[in-house]
């Protein structure tokens, strides 16, 4: 039976669930980026070109080192957001930061992975193409990056929070 009186609080509950989802997605993105890096490192240590492992070339080694560092940053941000939420402390923009950053790192890790693999990295034989598609989908899932930027900016600038965009 539907109550006759107005029931308020639905958007607040939806927003609270949204912050939890952002934290979960940040963890998912961090794990995906780690796996993309693992696959890339394994291939770079296996594949040889010009009599050397391709991982010994700066064009391969430096982007992998950069993304490994960025993955650690995403992990720390994700852990901090989860810890803050679990301990009932003010979350502020942490969940939005964690999801936006980790999803971006995931996408870039898979892009670098496809470059490490070369032409075969785009084929269905190699899992990197699957991770690449998942990363792009995750980046747009549950509040796109531009909305998350507005949430973060509003919190940092002490401005009015943007309206919840559920699409």
C-alpha atoms as a PDB file:
ATOM      1  CA  UNK A   1       0.000   0.000   0.000  1.00  0.00           C
ATOM      2  CA  UNK A   2       1.187   3.450  -0.883  1.00  0.00           C
ATOM      3  CA  UNK A   3       1.065   5.859   2.052  1.00  0.00           C
ATOM      4  CA  UNK A   4      -1.236   8.845   1.667  1.00  0.00           C
ATOM      5  CA  UNK A   5       1.299  11.322   3.033  1.00  0.00           C
ATOM      6  CA  UNK A   6       4.410  12.521   1.290  1.00  0.00           C
ATOM      7  CA  UNK A   7       7.569  10.510   1.931  1.00  0.00           C
ATOM      8  CA  UNK A   8      10.703  12.638   1.834  1.00  0.00           C
ATOM      9  CA  UNK A   9      14.354  11.714   1.911  1.00  0.00           C
ATOM     10  CA  UNK A  10      14.661   9.654  -1.244  1.00  0.00           C
ATOM     11  CA  UNK A  11      17.279  11.870  -2.870  1.00  0.00           C
ATOM     12  CA  UNK A  12      19.359  11.980   0.298  1.00  0.00           C
ATOM     13  CA  UNK A  13      19.351   8.176   0.464  1.00  0.00           C
ATOM     14  CA  UNK A  14      20.208   8.005  -3.233  1.00  0.00           C
ATOM     15  CA  UNK A  15      23.126  10.396  -2.743  1.00  0.00           C
ATOM     16  CA  UNK A  16      24.458   8.397   0.221  1.00  0.00           C
ATOM     17  CA  UNK A  17      24.339   5.213  -1.854  1.00  0.00           C
ATOM     18  CA  UNK A  18      26.098   7.114  -4.619  1.00  0.00           C
ATOM     19  CA  UNK A  19      29.082   7.939  -2.405  1.00  0.00           C
ATOM     20  CA  UNK A  20      29.390   4.265  -1.453  1.00  0.00           C
ATOM     21  CA  UNK A  21      29.216   3.313  -5.125  1.00  0.00           C
ATOM     22  CA  UNK A  22      31.948   5.807  -6.010  1.00  0.00           C
ATOM     23  CA  UNK A  23      34.254   4.303  -3.395  1.00  0.00           C
ATOM     24  CA  UNK A  24      33.539   0.771  -4.624  1.00  0.00           C
ATOM     25  CA  UNK A  25      34.152   1.805  -8.235  1.00  0.00           C
ATOM     26  CA  UNK A  26      37.424   3.472  -7.247  1.00  0.00           C
ATOM     27  CA  UNK A  27      38.563   0.154  -5.773  1.00  0.00           C
ATOM     28  CA  UNK A  28      37.422  -1.689  -8.888  1.00  0.00           C
ATOM     29  CA  UNK A  29      39.319   0.746 -11.109  1.00  0.00           C
ATOM     30  CA  UNK A  30      42.461   0.438  -9.002  1.00  0.00           C
ATOM     31  CA  UNK A  31      42.337  -3.348  -9.245  1.00  0.00           C
ATOM     32  CA  UNK A  32      41.764  -3.181 -12.990  1.00  0.00           C
ATOM     33  CA  UNK A  33      44.705  -0.826 -13.439  1.00  0.00           C
ATOM     34  CA  UNK A  34      46.910  -3.152 -11.402  1.00  0.00           C
ATOM     35  CA  UNK A  35      45.940  -6.087 -13.598  1.00  0.00           C
ATOM     36  CA  UNK A  36      46.572  -4.098 -16.775  1.00  0.00           C
ATOM     37  CA  UNK A  37      50.014  -3.210 -15.429  1.00  0.00           C
ATOM     38  CA  UNK A  38      50.725  -6.861 -14.523  1.00  0.00           C
ATOM     39  CA  UNK A  39      49.833  -7.980 -18.047  1.00  0.00           C
ATOM     40  CA  UNK A  40      51.930  -5.205 -19.579  1.00  0.00           C
ATOM     41  CA  UNK A  41      54.953  -5.985 -17.415  1.00  0.00           C
ATOM     42  CA  UNK A  42      54.735  -9.697 -18.170  1.00  0.00           C
ATOM     43  CA  UNK A  43      54.615  -9.042 -21.908  1.00  0.00           C
ATOM     44  CA  UNK A  44      57.402  -6.433 -21.757  1.00  0.00           C
ATOM     45  CA  UNK A  45      59.613  -8.942 -19.932  1.00  0.00           C
ATOM     46  CA  UNK A  46      58.804 -11.717 -22.412  1.00  0.00           C
ATOM     47  CA  UNK A  47      58.777 -10.064 -25.846  1.00  0.00           C
ATOM     48  CA  UNK A  48      62.097  -9.457 -27.547  1.00  0.00           C
ATOM     49  CA  UNK A  49      62.913  -7.007 -30.302  1.00  0.00           C
ATOM     50  CA  UNK A  50      66.349  -6.184 -31.718  1.00  0.00           C
ATOM     51  CA  UNK A  51      67.831  -8.837 -29.423  1.00  0.00           C
ATOM     52  CA  UNK A  52      66.530  -7.202 -26.215  1.00  0.00           C
ATOM     53  CA  UNK A  53      63.436  -7.455 -24.064  1.00  0.00           C
ATOM     54  CA  UNK A  54      61.119  -4.618 -25.033  1.00  0.00           C
ATOM     55  CA  UNK A  55      60.851  -3.598 -21.376  1.00  0.00           C
ATOM     56  CA  UNK A  56      64.471  -2.440 -21.546  1.00  0.00           C
ATOM     57  CA  UNK A  57      63.565   0.333 -23.986  1.00  0.00           C
ATOM     58  CA  UNK A  58      62.785   3.737 -22.458  1.00  0.00           C
ATOM     59  CA  UNK A  59      59.674   4.095 -24.585  1.00  0.00           C
ATOM     60  CA  UNK A  60      58.198   1.079 -22.793  1.00  0.00           C
ATOM     61  CA  UNK A  61      59.872   1.293 -19.370  1.00  0.00           C
ATOM     62  CA  UNK A  62      59.112   4.929 -18.561  1.00  0.00           C
ATOM     63  CA  UNK A  63      55.345   4.864 -19.229  1.00  0.00           C
ATOM     64  CA  UNK A  64      55.074   1.641 -17.196  1.00  0.00           C
ATOM     65  CA  UNK A  65      56.977   3.247 -14.317  1.00  0.00           C
ATOM     66  CA  UNK A  66      54.749   6.320 -14.491  1.00  0.00           C
ATOM     67  CA  UNK A  67      51.534   4.324 -14.438  1.00  0.00           C
ATOM     68  CA  UNK A  68      52.794   2.118 -11.574  1.00  0.00           C
ATOM     69  CA  UNK A  69      53.301   5.291  -9.542  1.00  0.00           C
ATOM     70  CA  UNK A  70      49.874   6.634 -10.457  1.00  0.00           C
ATOM     71  CA  UNK A  71      48.221   3.341  -9.494  1.00  0.00           C
ATOM     72  CA  UNK A  72      49.694   3.703  -6.007  1.00  0.00           C
ATOM     73  CA  UNK A  73      48.209   7.194  -5.797  1.00  0.00           C
ATOM     74  CA  UNK A  74      44.800   5.849  -6.795  1.00  0.00           C
ATOM     75  CA  UNK A  75      45.066   3.066  -4.227  1.00  0.00           C
ATOM     76  CA  UNK A  76      45.867   5.490  -1.411  1.00  0.00           C
ATOM     77  CA  UNK A  77      43.022   7.810  -2.381  1.00  0.00           C
ATOM     78  CA  UNK A  78      40.589   4.880  -2.593  1.00  0.00           C
ATOM     79  CA  UNK A  79      41.682   3.539   0.798  1.00  0.00           C
ATOM     80  CA  UNK A  80      41.390   6.963   2.389  1.00  0.00           C
ATOM     81  CA  UNK A  81      37.862   7.445   1.048  1.00  0.00           C
ATOM     82  CA  UNK A  82      36.813   3.957   2.211  1.00  0.00           C
ATOM     83  CA  UNK A  83      38.372   4.437   5.656  1.00  0.00           C
ATOM     84  CA  UNK A  84      36.758   7.852   6.067  1.00  0.00           C
ATOM     85  CA  UNK A  85      33.342   6.475   5.109  1.00  0.00           C
ATOM     86  CA  UNK A  86      33.699   3.387   7.323  1.00  0.00           C
ATOM     87  CA  UNK A  87      34.579   5.517  10.352  1.00  0.00           C
ATOM     88  CA  UNK A  88      31.683   7.926   9.854  1.00  0.00           C
ATOM     89  CA  UNK A  89      33.897  10.934   9.288  1.00  0.00           C
ATOM     90  CA  UNK A  90      32.984  13.737   6.859  1.00  0.00           C
ATOM     91  CA  UNK A  91      33.650  12.417   3.388  1.00  0.00           C
ATOM     92  CA  UNK A  92      33.822  15.752   1.604  1.00  0.00           C
ATOM     93  CA  UNK A  93      35.002  15.316  -1.976  1.00  0.00           C
ATOM     94  CA  UNK A  94      37.127  12.203  -1.249  1.00  0.00           C
ATOM     95  CA  UNK A  95      34.780   9.689  -2.888  1.00  0.00           C
ATOM     96  CA  UNK A  96      34.492  11.818  -6.017  1.00  0.00           C
ATOM     97  CA  UNK A  97      38.265  12.317  -6.127  1.00  0.00           C
ATOM     98  CA  UNK A  98      38.943   8.609  -5.644  1.00  0.00           C
ATOM     99  CA  UNK A  99      36.554   7.471  -8.372  1.00  0.00           C
ATOM    100  CA  UNK A 100      37.555  10.132 -10.876  1.00  0.00           C
ATOM    101  CA  UNK A 101      41.289   9.628 -10.372  1.00  0.00           C
ATOM    102  CA  UNK A 102      41.262   5.822 -10.199  1.00  0.00           C
ATOM    103  CA  UNK A 103      39.049   5.516 -13.288  1.00  0.00           C
ATOM    104  CA  UNK A 104      41.352   7.851 -15.218  1.00  0.00           C
ATOM    105  CA  UNK A 105      44.428   5.867 -14.150  1.00  0.00           C
ATOM    106  CA  UNK A 106      42.686   2.611 -15.152  1.00  0.00           C
ATOM    107  CA  UNK A 107      41.971   3.982 -18.626  1.00  0.00           C
ATOM    108  CA  UNK A 108      45.512   5.269 -19.056  1.00  0.00           C
ATOM    109  CA  UNK A 109      47.002   1.983 -17.772  1.00  0.00           C
ATOM    110  CA  UNK A 110      45.072   0.055 -20.404  1.00  0.00           C
ATOM    111  CA  UNK A 111      46.050   2.542 -23.105  1.00  0.00           C
ATOM    112  CA  UNK A 112      49.710   2.087 -22.202  1.00  0.00           C
ATOM    113  CA  UNK A 113      49.132  -1.666 -22.071  1.00  0.00           C
ATOM    114  CA  UNK A 114      47.783  -1.672 -25.590  1.00  0.00           C
ATOM    115  CA  UNK A 115      50.816   0.285 -26.735  1.00  0.00           C
ATOM    116  CA  UNK A 116      53.136  -2.219 -25.025  1.00  0.00           C
ATOM    117  CA  UNK A 117      51.388  -5.087 -26.783  1.00  0.00           C
ATOM    118  CA  UNK A 118      51.419  -3.262 -30.097  1.00  0.00           C
ATOM    119  CA  UNK A 119      48.941  -4.352 -32.761  1.00  0.00           C
ATOM    120  CA  UNK A 120      48.000  -7.559 -30.970  1.00  0.00           C
ATOM    121  CA  UNK A 121      46.847  -5.543 -27.934  1.00  0.00           C
ATOM    122  CA  UNK A 122      43.668  -4.578 -29.781  1.00  0.00           C
ATOM    123  CA  UNK A 123      42.714  -8.115 -30.785  1.00  0.00           C
ATOM    124  CA  UNK A 124      40.249 -10.353 -29.006  1.00  0.00           C
ATOM    125  CA  UNK A 125      43.052 -12.836 -28.275  1.00  0.00           C
ATOM    126  CA  UNK A 126      44.569 -10.539 -25.661  1.00  0.00           C
ATOM    127  CA  UNK A 127      42.706  -9.496 -22.501  1.00  0.00           C
ATOM    128  CA  UNK A 128      44.057  -5.952 -22.656  1.00  0.00           C
ATOM    129  CA  UNK A 129      41.319  -4.953 -25.109  1.00  0.00           C
ATOM    130  CA  UNK A 130      38.716  -6.121 -22.591  1.00  0.00           C
ATOM    131  CA  UNK A 131      40.296  -4.091 -19.804  1.00  0.00           C
ATOM    132  CA  UNK A 132      40.486  -1.074 -22.114  1.00  0.00           C
ATOM    133  CA  UNK A 133      36.754  -1.246 -22.837  1.00  0.00           C
ATOM    134  CA  UNK A 134      35.915  -1.783 -19.163  1.00  0.00           C
ATOM    135  CA  UNK A 135      38.069   1.182 -18.182  1.00  0.00           C
ATOM    136  CA  UNK A 136      36.332   3.518 -20.606  1.00  0.00           C
ATOM    137  CA  UNK A 137      32.916   2.307 -19.490  1.00  0.00           C
ATOM    138  CA  UNK A 138      33.856   2.711 -15.830  1.00  0.00           C
ATOM    139  CA  UNK A 139      35.068   6.246 -16.405  1.00  0.00           C
ATOM    140  CA  UNK A 140      31.549   7.219 -17.507  1.00  0.00           C
ATOM    141  CA  UNK A 141      29.658   5.049 -15.011  1.00  0.00           C
ATOM    142  CA  UNK A 142      27.966   6.506 -11.944  1.00  0.00           C
ATOM    143  CA  UNK A 143      28.581  10.202 -12.488  1.00  0.00           C
ATOM    144  CA  UNK A 144      30.835  11.205 -15.321  1.00  0.00           C
ATOM    145  CA  UNK A 145      34.164  12.988 -14.747  1.00  0.00           C
ATOM    146  CA  UNK A 146      32.859  16.506 -15.476  1.00  0.00           C
ATOM    147  CA  UNK A 147      30.151  16.165 -12.819  1.00  0.00           C
ATOM    148  CA  UNK A 148      32.678  14.793 -10.324  1.00  0.00           C
ATOM    149  CA  UNK A 149      34.934  17.759 -11.090  1.00  0.00           C
ATOM    150  CA  UNK A 150      32.046  20.089 -10.244  1.00  0.00           C
ATOM    151  CA  UNK A 151      31.474  18.220  -6.956  1.00  0.00           C
ATOM    152  CA  UNK A 152      35.171  18.479  -6.063  1.00  0.00           C
ATOM    153  CA  UNK A 153      35.402  22.136  -7.091  1.00  0.00           C
ATOM    154  CA  UNK A 154      32.302  23.035  -5.066  1.00  0.00           C
ATOM    155  CA  UNK A 155      33.762  21.355  -1.981  1.00  0.00           C
ATOM    156  CA  UNK A 156      37.206  22.894  -2.395  1.00  0.00           C
ATOM    157  CA  UNK A 157      35.881  26.369  -3.216  1.00  0.00           C
ATOM    158  CA  UNK A 158      33.192  26.162  -0.517  1.00  0.00           C
ATOM    159  CA  UNK A 159      30.560  26.783  -3.173  1.00  0.00           C
ATOM    160  CA  UNK A 160      27.089  25.394  -3.711  1.00  0.00           C
ATOM    161  CA  UNK A 161      27.114  21.687  -4.477  1.00  0.00           C
ATOM    162  CA  UNK A 162      25.877  20.811  -7.980  1.00  0.00           C
ATOM    163  CA  UNK A 163      22.539  19.145  -8.450  1.00  0.00           C
ATOM    164  CA  UNK A 164      22.733  15.346  -8.432  1.00  0.00           C
ATOM    165  CA  UNK A 165      22.945  14.075 -11.985  1.00  0.00           C
ATOM    166  CA  UNK A 166      21.644  10.511 -12.065  1.00  0.00           C
ATOM    167  CA  UNK A 167      22.217   9.974 -15.775  1.00  0.00           C
END
